[in-house]
Amino acid sequence: MTYQTEIDTTNALIQRFNGTWDGISPEAVARMKLQNRFNTGLDIAKYTAKIMRADMAAYDADPANYTQSLGCWHGFIGQQKLISIKKHFGTTKGKYLYLSGWMVAALRSEFGPLPDQSMHEKTSVPALIEELYTFLKQADARELGLIFRDLDKARGAGDAAREAELLSQIDNYQTHVVPIIADIDAGFGNAEATYLLARKMIEAGACALQIENQVSDEKQCGHQDGKVTVPHEDFLAKVRACRYAFLELGVDDGIIVTRTDSLGAGLTKQIAVSNEPGDIGDQYNSFLDCEEIDPATARNGDVIINRDGKLMRPKRLPSNLFQFRAGTGADRCVLDCITSLQHGADLLWIETEKPHIEQIASMVDRIREVIPNAKLVYNNSPSFNWTLNFRQQIYDAWAEAGKDVSQYERAALMSVIYDATDLAKEADEKIRTFQSDAAKRAGIFHHLITLPTYHTAALSTDNLAREYFGEAGMLGYVAGVQRKEIREGIACVRHQNMSGSDIGDDHKEAFAGEAALKAGGAHNTMNQFA
């Protein structure tokens, strides 16, 4: 509905009450409705799922249409990110939010900072989703409120052209509400536990759930050692649980991202059930590191499997875990991905130990032989030393091509002494184009950085602390923060406006008219930043 249609509809409703509702302003109602377009998290999930599906189709048509996100650990961080995106690019198209389980564990748990091992409260995940969307909806309310104020000024000045321009902005307004890819870890328990948590996350607004194939009670960060995977059937039960949750809640086009940690996971907690040779359980077990045994020499407590008519003993560690054969990680990843896509997954996530396009592409090429439109979500992780990795990649490419690399020490390429070299410049250019190159070559539909705002918060706080508590004193804040906010147009320099002060004034005026005690008068110091 257009702005004017909303006003007319509300006015007709008010007239039905024979004057008892005459104190209600139809235009104020229309403004409040437009400032809060999503009544529930499910409204958001349904709206954003359609956006994400359309983006996936656009990527299939042209991989230049890849999408991006940054991990956000607080609603304010997500809000400022989307405000900045709209400011710099004029649109939020192709820009999402990512909810990182790592950051929930490290920053949002009531236990305090925790490692990424699913020890935090599972309810903190949907709570953060709800918080993120609360702040994004408030960003809509704030921005529209500023437009409404400009509209009133244009009308007061009799400026019809400006009034028409602002009405068009209102009718064509693009919300800050965008899709969120939300990390459900390994499901926080069995399939029923996964289903229950998935429901809460979807009800909070998540249109995309990312689930990984690790054991819930042995879950590790994707970039740590000691990862333990589960057989495919166990994992697929959780994938189906997520789909059931989407369908039950009416989000029929919800997205499931299945993550495989098999590249870095050399352990399994259990041997898969196999009913016949070549089934998915047998394929999982085929990667186990085994030794042939003689039944006469079998030891007490041995687990024995039949492989091609031979009795084999999987190697079991003191932890009671079984190990896979070395060098099978890529093959297991490919099998994981194909199996997931064949059983309801929409997107893949392959957790790697380094950002290397050809390594990723070598697996995606094999997956696409079976499922041609397979697409990835990829973690552009801060756990990678991007500078060192790409300088070493360039070093290796130069060495292979016979180029002289004698002035470089490969293990020390992170050093600042190499920053101005041709090798470093070429590496930086490869980093700059990594996302577009990987989208084209390695099937990556969505690029995300899991923990960027964790690091930016730490870096900016360090800079401020060094200056403010040092010789710069107050100038450390003014020159390093406020002056930059003013000159770079950072919205929250007017922090009273950002916190909702103007919105509150608008409501007070609607509720109480001229009797309203408003905060935004001439003596409000925020006017210094007008």
Protein backbone atom coordinates (compact mmCIF):
# COMPACT_ATOMS: atom_id res chain seq x y z
CA MET A 1 0.00 0.00 0.00
CA THR A 2 1.13 3.54 -0.71
CA TYR A 3 1.52 6.13 2.01
CA GLN A 4 -1.65 7.93 0.92
CA THR A 5 -3.61 4.68 0.72
CA GLU A 6 -2.57 3.84 4.28
CA ILE A 7 -3.80 7.27 5.41
CA ASP A 8 -7.11 6.90 3.57
CA THR A 9 -7.71 3.38 4.89
CA THR A 10 -7.04 4.43 8.48
CA ASN A 11 -9.22 7.51 8.10
CA ALA A 12 -12.14 5.36 6.91
CA LEU A 13 -11.67 3.12 9.95
CA ILE A 14 -11.68 6.10 12.33
CA GLN A 15 -14.91 7.45 10.81
CA ARG A 16 -16.71 4.20 11.67
CA PHE A 17 -16.45 5.03 15.38
CA ASN A 18 -18.76 8.06 15.30
CA GLY A 19 -16.28 10.64 16.55
CA THR A 20 -14.89 8.67 19.51
CA TRP A 21 -11.62 8.08 17.62
CA ASP A 22 -11.28 11.60 16.24
CA GLY A 23 -8.25 12.23 18.43
CA ILE A 24 -6.34 9.68 16.34
CA SER A 25 -4.37 11.08 13.39
CA PRO A 26 -4.68 8.86 10.29
CA GLU A 27 -1.32 10.10 9.03
CA ALA A 28 0.41 9.33 12.35
CA VAL A 29 -1.01 5.80 12.23
CA ALA A 30 0.19 5.37 8.65
CA ARG A 31 3.65 6.53 9.66
CA MET A 32 3.84 4.13 12.59
CA LYS A 33 2.71 1.22 10.41
CA LEU A 34 5.31 2.00 7.76
CA GLN A 35 7.98 2.30 10.44
CA ASN A 36 7.17 -1.23 11.62
CA ARG A 37 6.49 -3.32 8.52
CA PHE A 38 7.15 -6.70 10.15
CA ASN A 39 4.88 -7.71 13.02
CA THR A 40 6.62 -11.01 13.82
CA GLY A 41 9.87 -12.83 13.24
CA LEU A 42 8.01 -15.24 10.96
CA ASP A 43 7.04 -12.30 8.74
CA ILE A 44 10.75 -11.53 8.46
CA ALA A 45 11.72 -15.16 7.76
CA LYS A 46 9.14 -15.46 4.97
CA TYR A 47 10.14 -12.12 3.45
CA THR A 48 13.89 -12.74 3.56
CA ALA A 49 13.66 -16.36 2.34
CA LYS A 50 12.18 -15.08 -0.91
CA ILE A 51 15.01 -12.58 -1.24
CA MET A 52 17.62 -15.26 -0.71
CA ARG A 53 15.97 -17.67 -3.17
CA ALA A 54 15.91 -14.94 -5.81
CA ASP A 55 19.57 -14.19 -5.15
CA MET A 56 20.44 -17.89 -5.53
CA ALA A 57 18.69 -17.97 -8.91
CA ALA A 58 20.50 -14.80 -9.98
CA TYR A 59 23.82 -16.40 -9.04
CA ASP A 60 22.99 -19.51 -11.08
CA ALA A 61 22.47 -17.25 -14.08
CA ASP A 62 25.69 -15.30 -13.47
CA PRO A 63 28.25 -15.97 -10.71
CA ALA A 64 29.07 -12.27 -10.63
CA ASN A 65 25.86 -12.05 -8.57
CA TYR A 66 27.43 -13.50 -5.44
CA THR A 67 26.28 -12.27 -2.03
CA GLN A 68 28.13 -11.20 1.12
CA SER A 69 27.76 -10.78 4.85
CA LEU A 70 29.65 -9.90 8.00
CA GLY A 71 29.19 -11.65 11.33
CA CYS A 72 27.52 -9.42 13.95
CA TRP A 73 27.43 -10.14 17.66
CA HIS A 74 25.04 -7.39 18.75
CA GLY A 75 21.94 -5.75 17.31
CA PHE A 76 23.63 -2.34 17.23
CA ILE A 77 26.55 -3.72 15.22
CA GLY A 78 24.18 -5.26 12.68
CA GLN A 79 22.17 -2.05 12.51
CA GLN A 80 25.20 0.15 11.90
CA LYS A 81 26.43 -2.24 9.24
CA LEU A 82 23.17 -2.00 7.28
CA ILE A 83 22.94 1.78 7.74
CA SER A 84 26.47 2.06 6.35
CA ILE A 85 25.67 -0.20 3.41
CA LYS A 86 22.64 1.90 2.47
CA LYS A 87 24.67 5.09 2.87
CA HIS A 88 27.58 3.97 0.70
CA PHE A 89 25.81 1.84 -1.93
CA GLY A 90 22.20 3.02 -1.90
CA THR A 91 20.86 -0.52 -1.61
CA THR A 92 21.08 -3.58 0.59
CA LYS A 93 20.75 -5.98 -2.34
CA GLY A 94 23.01 -9.00 -1.96
CA LYS A 95 24.09 -7.99 1.55
CA TYR A 96 23.11 -10.26 4.47
CA LEU A 97 23.81 -10.75 8.15
CA TYR A 98 25.70 -13.70 9.55
CA LEU A 99 25.16 -14.95 13.08
CA SER A 100 28.30 -16.68 14.31
CA GLY A 101 28.06 -19.37 16.97
CA TRP A 102 31.66 -18.56 17.83
CA MET A 103 30.74 -14.97 18.72
CA VAL A 104 27.64 -16.06 20.64
CA ALA A 105 29.86 -18.33 22.73
CA ALA A 106 32.61 -15.75 23.20
CA LEU A 107 30.47 -12.67 23.75
CA ARG A 108 26.83 -13.48 24.55
CA SER A 109 26.88 -16.38 26.99
CA GLU A 110 25.82 -15.93 30.61
CA PHE A 111 28.80 -18.09 31.54
CA GLY A 112 31.13 -15.42 30.18
CA PRO A 113 33.59 -15.92 27.32
CA LEU A 114 33.57 -19.51 26.11
CA PRO A 115 35.33 -21.43 23.33
CA ASP A 116 33.30 -22.40 20.28
CA GLN A 117 32.27 -25.83 21.59
CA SER A 118 28.46 -25.49 21.93
CA MET A 119 28.69 -24.93 25.66
CA HIS A 120 26.71 -21.68 25.63
CA GLU A 121 22.98 -21.54 26.22
CA LYS A 122 21.15 -22.55 23.06
CA THR A 123 18.47 -19.92 23.75
CA SER A 124 21.09 -17.19 23.32
CA VAL A 125 21.12 -17.91 19.57
CA PRO A 126 17.45 -17.11 18.80
CA ALA A 127 17.68 -14.25 21.30
CA LEU A 128 20.45 -12.66 19.22
CA ILE A 129 18.47 -13.16 15.99
CA GLU A 130 15.52 -11.35 17.56
CA GLU A 131 17.83 -8.61 18.83
CA LEU A 132 19.41 -8.10 15.41
CA TYR A 133 16.05 -7.68 13.73
CA THR A 134 14.78 -5.39 16.50
CA PHE A 135 17.69 -3.05 15.75
CA LEU A 136 17.20 -3.31 11.97
CA LYS A 137 13.51 -2.45 12.32
CA GLN A 138 14.49 0.50 14.50
CA ALA A 139 16.83 1.65 11.72
CA ASP A 140 13.80 1.70 9.41
CA ALA A 141 11.80 3.69 11.94
CA ARG A 142 14.60 6.19 12.41
CA GLU A 143 15.27 6.75 8.72
CA LEU A 144 11.59 7.02 7.82
CA GLY A 145 11.10 9.37 10.76
CA LEU A 146 13.69 11.72 9.26
CA ILE A 147 11.90 11.57 5.90
CA PHE A 148 8.55 12.31 7.58
CA ARG A 149 10.08 15.38 9.27
CA ASP A 150 11.41 16.59 5.91
CA LEU A 151 7.94 16.01 4.43
CA ASP A 152 6.36 18.21 7.09
CA LYS A 153 8.94 20.93 6.40
CA ALA A 154 8.28 20.77 2.65
CA ARG A 155 4.55 21.08 3.22
CA GLY A 156 5.06 23.97 5.61
CA ALA A 157 7.19 25.75 3.01
CA GLY A 158 4.68 25.06 0.23
CA ASP A 159 7.33 23.18 -1.75
CA ALA A 160 5.19 20.81 -3.85
CA ALA A 161 8.09 19.40 -5.84
CA ARG A 162 10.02 18.47 -2.68
CA GLU A 163 6.83 17.01 -1.18
CA ALA A 164 6.33 14.78 -4.23
CA GLU A 165 9.96 13.66 -4.08
CA LEU A 166 9.66 12.69 -0.42
CA LEU A 167 6.37 10.84 -0.96
CA SER A 168 8.11 8.82 -3.67
CA GLN A 169 10.93 8.00 -1.23
CA ILE A 170 8.37 6.76 1.29
CA ASP A 171 6.47 4.63 -1.22
CA ASN A 172 9.70 3.10 -2.59
CA TYR A 173 11.48 2.75 0.73
CA GLN A 174 13.94 -0.17 1.04
CA THR A 175 14.02 -1.76 4.46
CA HIS A 176 17.17 -2.47 6.44
CA VAL A 177 15.78 -5.97 7.13
CA VAL A 178 17.88 -8.47 5.15
CA PRO A 179 18.39 -12.26 5.25
CA ILE A 180 20.35 -13.75 8.10
CA ILE A 181 22.33 -16.98 7.88
CA ALA A 182 22.21 -18.29 11.43
CA ASP A 183 24.62 -20.81 12.93
CA ILE A 184 22.85 -23.67 14.72
CA ASP A 185 26.20 -25.39 15.36
CA ALA A 186 25.77 -29.18 15.37
CA GLY A 187 22.19 -28.90 16.59
CA PHE A 188 22.84 -28.76 20.35
CA GLY A 189 21.79 -32.36 20.89
CA ASN A 190 19.81 -35.00 19.05
CA ALA A 191 17.47 -34.40 16.12
CA GLU A 192 14.58 -33.43 18.40
CA ALA A 193 16.78 -30.84 20.14
CA THR A 194 17.79 -29.55 16.71
CA TYR A 195 14.16 -29.25 15.65
CA LEU A 196 13.17 -27.35 18.80
CA LEU A 197 16.04 -24.88 18.45
CA ALA A 198 15.43 -24.48 14.71
CA ARG A 199 11.82 -23.50 15.45
CA LYS A 200 12.93 -20.83 17.88
CA MET A 201 15.47 -19.46 15.42
CA ILE A 202 12.94 -19.33 12.58
CA GLU A 203 10.32 -17.72 14.82
CA ALA A 204 12.94 -15.07 15.65
CA GLY A 205 13.38 -14.31 11.93
CA ALA A 206 16.05 -16.66 10.52
CA CYS A 207 15.38 -17.72 6.93
CA ALA A 208 18.62 -19.71 6.63
CA LEU A 209 20.07 -22.20 9.10
CA GLN A 210 23.65 -23.44 8.92
CA ILE A 211 24.26 -26.85 10.51
CA GLU A 212 27.49 -28.85 10.68
CA ASN A 213 28.29 -32.56 10.68
CA GLN A 214 30.21 -32.68 13.94
CA VAL A 215 29.20 -34.57 17.07
CA SER A 216 27.19 -32.22 19.28
CA ASP A 217 28.93 -33.08 22.53
CA GLU A 218 32.40 -33.05 20.90
CA LYS A 219 31.84 -29.98 18.72
CA GLN A 220 34.90 -27.82 18.03
CA CYS A 221 35.47 -24.55 16.22
CA GLY A 222 35.97 -25.24 12.52
CA HIS A 223 39.56 -24.02 12.74
CA GLN A 224 40.60 -26.00 15.78
CA ASP A 225 41.92 -29.52 16.07
CA GLY A 226 40.08 -32.52 17.51
CA LYS A 227 36.98 -32.36 15.32
CA VAL A 228 34.73 -35.44 15.30
CA THR A 229 32.16 -36.08 12.57
CA VAL A 230 29.02 -38.22 12.59
CA PRO A 231 27.73 -40.76 10.04
CA HIS A 232 25.59 -39.31 7.29
CA GLU A 233 22.28 -40.73 8.50
CA ASP A 234 22.74 -39.06 11.90
CA PHE A 235 23.43 -35.75 10.22
CA LEU A 236 20.59 -36.08 7.71
CA ALA A 237 18.13 -36.62 10.55
CA LYS A 238 19.07 -33.14 11.81
CA VAL A 239 18.80 -31.68 8.31
CA ARG A 240 15.29 -33.11 8.06
CA ALA A 241 14.50 -31.72 11.54
CA CYS A 242 15.36 -28.23 10.27
CA ARG A 243 13.17 -28.70 7.20
CA TYR A 244 10.27 -29.89 9.33
CA ALA A 245 10.63 -26.76 11.46
CA PHE A 246 10.53 -24.51 8.38
CA LEU A 247 7.49 -26.30 6.94
CA GLU A 248 5.60 -26.36 10.23
CA LEU A 249 5.99 -22.59 10.56
CA GLY A 250 5.00 -21.89 6.96
CA VAL A 251 8.43 -20.84 5.71
CA ASP A 252 8.23 -23.24 2.79
CA ASP A 253 11.27 -21.81 1.01
CA GLY A 254 13.56 -21.65 4.05
CA ILE A 255 17.23 -22.36 3.33
CA ILE A 256 19.39 -25.06 4.91
CA VAL A 257 23.17 -24.71 4.68
CA THR A 258 24.98 -27.96 5.44
CA ARG A 259 28.55 -27.59 6.59
CA THR A 260 31.13 -30.35 6.36
CA ASP A 261 34.13 -30.28 8.65
CA SER A 262 35.53 -33.48 7.16
CA LEU A 263 38.55 -31.80 5.58
CA GLY A 264 40.01 -31.14 9.02
CA ALA A 265 38.22 -33.85 11.00
CA GLY A 266 40.15 -37.09 11.26
CA LEU A 267 37.92 -38.74 13.85
CA THR A 268 34.47 -40.29 14.20
CA LYS A 269 32.67 -41.28 17.35
CA GLN A 270 30.78 -44.17 15.85
CA ILE A 271 30.80 -46.63 13.00
CA ALA A 272 27.93 -46.12 10.59
CA VAL A 273 25.15 -48.68 10.22
CA SER A 274 25.45 -50.48 6.87
CA ASN A 275 22.83 -52.84 5.50
CA GLU A 276 24.41 -53.67 2.18
CA PRO A 277 27.69 -53.07 0.36
CA GLY A 278 27.96 -49.60 -1.16
CA ASP A 279 25.23 -47.93 0.89
CA ILE A 280 25.93 -44.61 2.55
CA GLY A 281 26.96 -46.26 5.82
CA ASP A 282 29.38 -48.55 4.01
CA GLN A 283 30.85 -45.57 2.15
CA TYR A 284 31.40 -43.72 5.44
CA ASN A 285 33.07 -46.75 6.99
CA SER A 286 35.27 -47.24 3.94
CA PHE A 287 37.36 -44.26 5.04
CA LEU A 288 38.14 -45.75 8.46
CA ASP A 289 41.74 -46.59 9.18
CA CYS A 290 41.61 -50.36 9.66
CA GLU A 291 43.88 -53.37 9.97
CA GLU A 292 43.04 -56.90 8.91
CA ILE A 293 42.79 -59.39 11.75
CA ASP A 294 42.60 -63.11 12.30
CA PRO A 295 39.51 -64.07 14.35
CA ALA A 296 41.73 -66.33 16.41
CA THR A 297 43.82 -63.35 17.54
CA ALA A 298 40.98 -60.87 18.09
CA ARG A 299 41.28 -58.97 21.36
CA ASN A 300 38.66 -58.50 24.03
CA GLY A 301 36.39 -55.54 23.16
CA ASP A 302 37.49 -55.36 19.52
CA VAL A 303 35.08 -53.77 17.06
CA ILE A 304 35.24 -55.68 13.80
CA ILE A 305 33.76 -54.83 10.40
CA ASN A 306 33.54 -56.84 7.20
CA ARG A 307 35.25 -55.14 4.29
CA ASP A 308 35.24 -56.99 0.96
CA GLY A 309 35.02 -60.33 2.75
CA LYS A 310 37.86 -59.51 5.11
CA LEU A 311 37.55 -58.95 8.85
CA MET A 312 38.95 -55.54 9.68
CA ARG A 313 39.58 -53.83 13.01
CA PRO A 314 39.11 -50.02 12.92
CA LYS A 315 41.86 -48.28 14.81
CA ARG A 316 40.44 -46.98 18.06
CA LEU A 317 42.09 -44.30 20.17
CA PRO A 318 42.22 -44.22 24.00
CA SER A 319 39.41 -41.64 23.79
CA ASN A 320 37.22 -44.43 22.28
CA LEU A 321 37.12 -42.51 18.98
CA PHE A 322 37.89 -44.09 15.62
CA GLN A 323 40.23 -42.46 13.14
CA PHE A 324 39.96 -42.04 9.40
CA ARG A 325 42.79 -42.78 7.00
CA ALA A 326 45.07 -39.81 6.43
CA GLY A 327 44.50 -37.98 3.16
CA THR A 328 40.81 -38.86 2.84
CA GLY A 329 39.44 -35.48 3.94
CA ALA A 330 38.66 -34.11 0.47
CA ASP A 331 36.95 -37.35 -0.61
CA ARG A 332 34.84 -37.31 2.54
CA CYS A 333 33.91 -33.65 1.94
CA VAL A 334 32.73 -34.44 -1.58
CA LEU A 335 30.63 -37.36 -0.35
CA ASP A 336 29.21 -35.24 2.49
CA CYS A 337 28.21 -32.47 0.10
CA ILE A 338 26.61 -34.67 -2.52
CA THR A 339 24.72 -36.62 0.12
CA SER A 340 23.45 -33.44 1.80
CA LEU A 341 22.21 -31.92 -1.46
CA GLN A 342 20.49 -35.18 -2.36
CA HIS A 343 18.66 -35.12 0.98
CA GLY A 344 17.26 -31.62 1.29
CA ALA A 345 20.14 -29.18 1.73
CA ASP A 346 20.12 -26.00 -0.35
CA LEU A 347 23.66 -24.70 0.08
CA LEU A 348 27.00 -26.17 1.11
CA TRP A 349 29.75 -25.00 3.42
CA ILE A 350 33.17 -26.61 3.20
CA GLU A 351 35.36 -25.56 6.10
CA THR A 352 38.97 -25.32 4.88
CA GLU A 353 42.27 -24.61 6.58
CA LYS A 354 43.32 -21.87 4.15
CA PRO A 355 41.73 -19.57 1.54
CA HIS A 356 42.87 -21.31 -1.64
CA ILE A 357 40.52 -21.08 -4.61
CA GLU A 358 41.85 -24.12 -6.47
CA GLN A 359 41.62 -26.28 -3.35
CA ILE A 360 37.95 -25.35 -2.98
CA ALA A 361 37.29 -25.68 -6.71
CA SER A 362 38.86 -29.14 -6.85
CA MET A 363 36.09 -30.38 -4.54
CA VAL A 364 33.29 -28.31 -6.07
CA ASP A 365 34.13 -29.60 -9.56
CA ARG A 366 33.57 -33.16 -8.33
CA ILE A 367 30.34 -32.23 -6.57
CA ARG A 368 29.03 -30.50 -9.69
CA GLU A 369 29.62 -33.62 -11.75
CA VAL A 370 26.67 -35.04 -9.81
CA ILE A 371 24.74 -31.84 -8.93
CA PRO A 372 25.51 -29.14 -11.53
CA ASN A 373 24.04 -26.19 -9.62
CA ALA A 374 25.77 -26.92 -6.30
CA LYS A 375 26.62 -23.68 -4.51
CA LEU A 376 28.69 -22.81 -1.47
CA VAL A 377 28.63 -20.51 1.48
CA TYR A 378 32.28 -19.85 2.30
CA ASN A 379 33.91 -18.63 5.48
CA ASN A 380 36.46 -15.90 4.70
CA SER A 381 37.74 -16.58 8.16
CA PRO A 382 39.85 -14.31 10.38
CA SER A 383 41.41 -17.58 11.53
CA PHE A 384 43.37 -17.50 8.26
CA ASN A 385 46.47 -15.34 8.05
CA TRP A 386 45.37 -13.88 4.72
CA THR A 387 48.53 -11.84 4.16
CA LEU A 388 50.89 -14.77 4.75
CA ASN A 389 48.73 -17.27 2.86
CA PHE A 390 48.46 -15.19 -0.29
CA ARG A 391 52.07 -14.08 -0.27
CA GLN A 392 53.07 -17.73 -0.04
CA GLN A 393 50.69 -18.60 -2.88
CA ILE A 394 52.31 -15.96 -5.08
CA TYR A 395 55.78 -17.08 -3.98
CA ASP A 396 54.96 -20.68 -4.95
CA ALA A 397 53.48 -19.64 -8.30
CA TRP A 398 56.53 -17.54 -9.10
CA ALA A 399 58.91 -20.33 -8.09
CA GLU A 400 57.02 -22.85 -10.22
CA ALA A 401 57.18 -20.47 -13.19
CA GLY A 402 60.96 -20.16 -12.75
CA LYS A 403 60.86 -16.58 -11.50
CA ASP A 404 63.63 -15.44 -9.15
CA VAL A 405 62.37 -15.52 -5.56
CA SER A 406 65.78 -15.42 -3.88
CA GLN A 407 65.09 -12.06 -2.21
CA TYR A 408 62.15 -13.56 -0.30
CA GLU A 409 62.09 -15.87 2.71
CA ARG A 410 58.90 -17.90 2.31
CA ALA A 411 58.31 -18.54 6.03
CA ALA A 412 58.80 -14.85 6.87
CA LEU A 413 56.65 -13.27 4.17
CA MET A 414 54.36 -11.69 6.76
CA SER A 415 57.16 -9.27 7.65
CA VAL A 416 56.62 -5.56 7.01
CA ILE A 417 59.89 -5.51 5.05
CA TYR A 418 58.00 -7.13 2.15
CA ASP A 419 55.01 -4.76 2.16
CA ALA A 420 56.26 -2.59 -0.73
CA THR A 421 57.49 -5.48 -2.90
CA ASP A 422 55.94 -6.63 -6.16
CA LEU A 423 55.13 -9.97 -4.55
CA ALA A 424 53.15 -8.29 -1.76
CA LYS A 425 51.30 -6.06 -4.21
CA GLU A 426 50.32 -9.03 -6.37
CA ALA A 427 49.18 -10.93 -3.27
CA ASP A 428 47.05 -7.99 -2.14
CA GLU A 429 45.41 -7.82 -5.55
CA LYS A 430 44.56 -11.54 -5.29
CA ILE A 431 43.06 -10.90 -1.85
CA ARG A 432 41.03 -8.00 -3.26
CA THR A 433 39.54 -10.14 -6.03
CA PHE A 434 39.28 -13.34 -3.97
CA GLN A 435 35.52 -13.19 -3.57
CA SER A 436 34.69 -12.50 -7.21
CA ASP A 437 37.31 -15.00 -8.41
CA ALA A 438 36.07 -17.71 -6.06
CA ALA A 439 32.44 -17.03 -6.95
CA LYS A 440 33.28 -17.62 -10.60
CA ARG A 441 35.71 -20.53 -10.26
CA ALA A 442 34.70 -22.35 -7.08
CA GLY A 443 30.92 -22.05 -6.95
CA ILE A 444 30.80 -19.72 -3.95
CA PHE A 445 27.40 -18.02 -3.84
CA HIS A 446 27.84 -16.36 -0.47
CA HIS A 447 31.00 -14.96 1.09
CA LEU A 448 30.99 -14.18 4.78
CA ILE A 449 33.51 -13.17 7.40
CA THR A 450 32.57 -14.92 10.61
CA LEU A 451 34.18 -12.70 13.25
CA PRO A 452 35.01 -9.31 11.72
CA THR A 453 33.16 -7.12 14.19
CA TYR A 454 34.79 -8.94 17.10
CA HIS A 455 38.15 -7.82 15.74
CA THR A 456 37.08 -4.29 14.73
CA ALA A 457 35.66 -3.66 18.22
CA ALA A 458 38.96 -4.75 19.77
CA LEU A 459 41.07 -2.71 17.33
CA SER A 460 39.07 0.52 17.64
CA THR A 461 38.97 0.23 21.42
CA ASP A 462 42.74 -0.29 21.51
CA ASN A 463 43.29 2.81 19.37
CA LEU A 464 41.01 4.94 21.56
CA ALA A 465 42.53 3.67 24.82
CA ARG A 466 46.08 4.39 23.59
CA GLU A 467 45.23 7.97 22.67
CA TYR A 468 42.73 8.95 25.37
CA PHE A 469 44.74 7.61 28.30
CA GLY A 470 47.98 8.89 26.76
CA GLU A 471 49.23 12.36 25.96
CA ALA A 472 46.42 13.13 23.50
CA GLY A 473 43.82 13.06 26.26
CA MET A 474 40.42 14.30 25.11
CA LEU A 475 41.84 15.01 21.66
CA GLY A 476 42.28 11.27 21.32
CA TYR A 477 38.50 10.93 21.28
CA VAL A 478 37.69 14.10 19.38
CA ALA A 479 40.22 13.64 16.54
CA GLY A 480 40.10 9.86 16.44
CA VAL A 481 36.36 9.38 16.77
CA GLN A 482 33.97 12.32 16.81
CA ARG A 483 35.58 14.46 14.12
CA LYS A 484 35.72 11.45 11.82
CA GLU A 485 32.07 10.62 12.56
CA ILE A 486 30.98 14.14 11.62
CA ARG A 487 33.06 14.35 8.45
CA GLU A 488 32.31 10.82 7.28
CA GLY A 489 28.59 11.07 7.94
CA ILE A 490 28.38 8.33 10.56
CA ALA A 491 24.74 8.21 11.64
CA CYS A 492 25.35 7.50 15.32
CA VAL A 493 27.26 10.77 15.85
CA ARG A 494 23.73 11.94 16.68
CA HIS A 495 23.42 9.22 19.28
CA GLN A 496 20.17 10.58 20.79
CA ASN A 497 18.51 10.32 17.40
CA MET A 498 19.98 6.86 16.88
CA SER A 499 18.63 5.65 20.21
CA GLY A 500 15.09 6.67 19.25
CA SER A 501 14.68 10.09 20.85
CA ASP A 502 13.08 11.63 17.75
CA ILE A 503 10.79 8.64 17.29
CA GLY A 504 9.66 9.05 20.87
CA ASP A 505 8.97 12.75 20.30
CA ASP A 506 6.83 11.91 17.27
CA HIS A 507 4.82 9.45 19.34
CA LYS A 508 4.40 11.92 22.21
CA GLU A 509 3.05 14.53 19.78
CA ALA A 510 0.62 12.01 18.29
CA PHE A 511 -0.55 10.89 21.74
CA ALA A 512 -0.74 14.26 23.53
CA GLY A 513 -0.67 16.97 20.85
CA GLU A 514 0.59 20.38 21.98
CA ALA A 515 0.80 19.13 25.58
CA ALA A 516 3.63 16.75 24.67
CA LEU A 517 6.90 17.30 26.53
CA LYS A 518 9.42 16.65 23.77
CA ALA A 519 13.19 16.20 24.03
CA GLY A 520 14.18 17.54 20.64
CA GLY A 521 13.82 21.26 21.31
CA ALA A 522 16.22 24.12 20.69
CA HIS A 523 18.29 23.32 23.77
CA ASN A 524 19.02 19.72 22.75
CA THR A 525 22.79 19.57 22.26
CA MET A 526 22.26 17.08 19.40
CA ASN A 527 21.40 20.12 17.29
CA GLN A 528 25.14 20.89 17.20
CA PHE A 529 25.43 17.99 14.74
CA ALA A 530 22.58 19.01 12.43
